[in-house]
Amino acid sequence: MLRLSRKFLVILALVLVFSVAIVGCRRSSGPSDTGNIKIGVLVPISGSEAYFGNDMYNSFALAVDHVNARGGVLDGRMLELLAPADDGCDALMAAQAATMITSQNPHFVVGGYCSGATIPALQEFYDKDLVMLVSAANSTRITDLRLNQTFMINSPGTHQVDSLILLLNSLGVKRVATIHQGDDYTQNLSDICHAKLPGAGFEMVFTGVMEKGAPDISAIVTAIRNSQAEFVYWCGYFADGGNVIRQLRQGGYTGYICAGDGSSSVELITACGPAGEGVFVTSPPNVEFSAGGGEFLAAYRAKYNLEPGAYATLCYDTIMLLADAIEQAGTTNTATVRDKIQNANYQGLSGLISFTPNRELANSNFIIIQIRNGVYTLYTP
């Protein structure tokens, strides 16, 4: 009997140790329900789009400062912004960055600039039961994935083309050409033009495809001139936008030029030089033209000694919306917070934030700006 009792006790002890180990593993495999609320960040902080990625992170951090300064959420829990995970606007880097983020057990994830880098990361976040608020990327291919925990804070490309139609009508032009770079954002925007513009009374006369970083687009310029396009819509990113606009003018194109939101940067003005005069941009809600933007501008300048970029308002609103949803939910539980976001009616710097059933922004926040005398001015069609 004594031998049996000892054996039983040994087995019991092993079972208890194993059970504690399992509980410990489970607790460490997800975010804590006490302490700071950790927020992962997916942005490009290297490569040609690093300007936007760093500005986005700055804007997130400023919003976190403001939420924490008023006492945080849920009776004093502070928001904690994790170090940015660099997607480099590259699909492979984005997949690696997503894994790095999830390994830190965040409660939520924000960011996403290049659609082509955001999309490869979304399934990882969904599989880890994380809400992802996409602050800048706006390809409709994001919502085509049907991931019910992914929300687009920026207006989708369909809204952008609606703004483009207003501009085209105000200018009285009919023949339109597009140039894209073959990725999820730029081609998607060009495809939406092809889908919507003919039905609105416009003729798509040419579509050019330019590789990123290509120094010479003279063949595209010649084709655009031969097409007799009255209006060229540059659907690519600002890193190549200046070169495209300069070559269009140097190649003899005299019609209207407009850039999409991927080029909505003061850097575009510098890159274009004199060729940029009169160029339009379908832009996110730039803080300079946003109601209440003055306070944000002052706070951003004081903290960073820099000027905010085009997506600063959207990124600031991303954190403020998330904090509001957590407060309303009374918890960081994914499903509960997700439902609060889905039913949000939040008035931010960028405008009214509410969502369609497929988690796209319901109301367009696009504005049209124009380069005049080396600065952006608001254009009203």
Foldseek 3Di string as FASTA:
>chain_A
DVVVVVVVVVVVVVVVVVVVVVVVVVCLLADDQDAAQEEAEEFACDADCNVQRVLLVLLLVLLQVVCVVVQHFLRRHGYDYDDYQHLNLPQVSLCVSLVVRSNVRHLAYEEAARPLNVQSNVVSCLVSLHQYEYQHQAQVVNLVVLRLRYFYLAFHLLLLVVVVLVVCVVVVFAEEEEEAAPGRQLVSNVVSCVVPRVVVRHHDQYYHHDHPPDQDPLVVLVSCVVSVGQEYEYSYAQSCLLSVLQSNVVSPPDHAYEYEANNQWLVSLVSNDPSQAFYKYFHQQALVNFVVSVVVQVSSCVVPVDGRTRSSQSSSVVNVLLSVLCNVLSGSNSVSSSVSQQQDQDQTRLGTAHADSSNGGPDHSIFMWGQHPSDTDGDDD
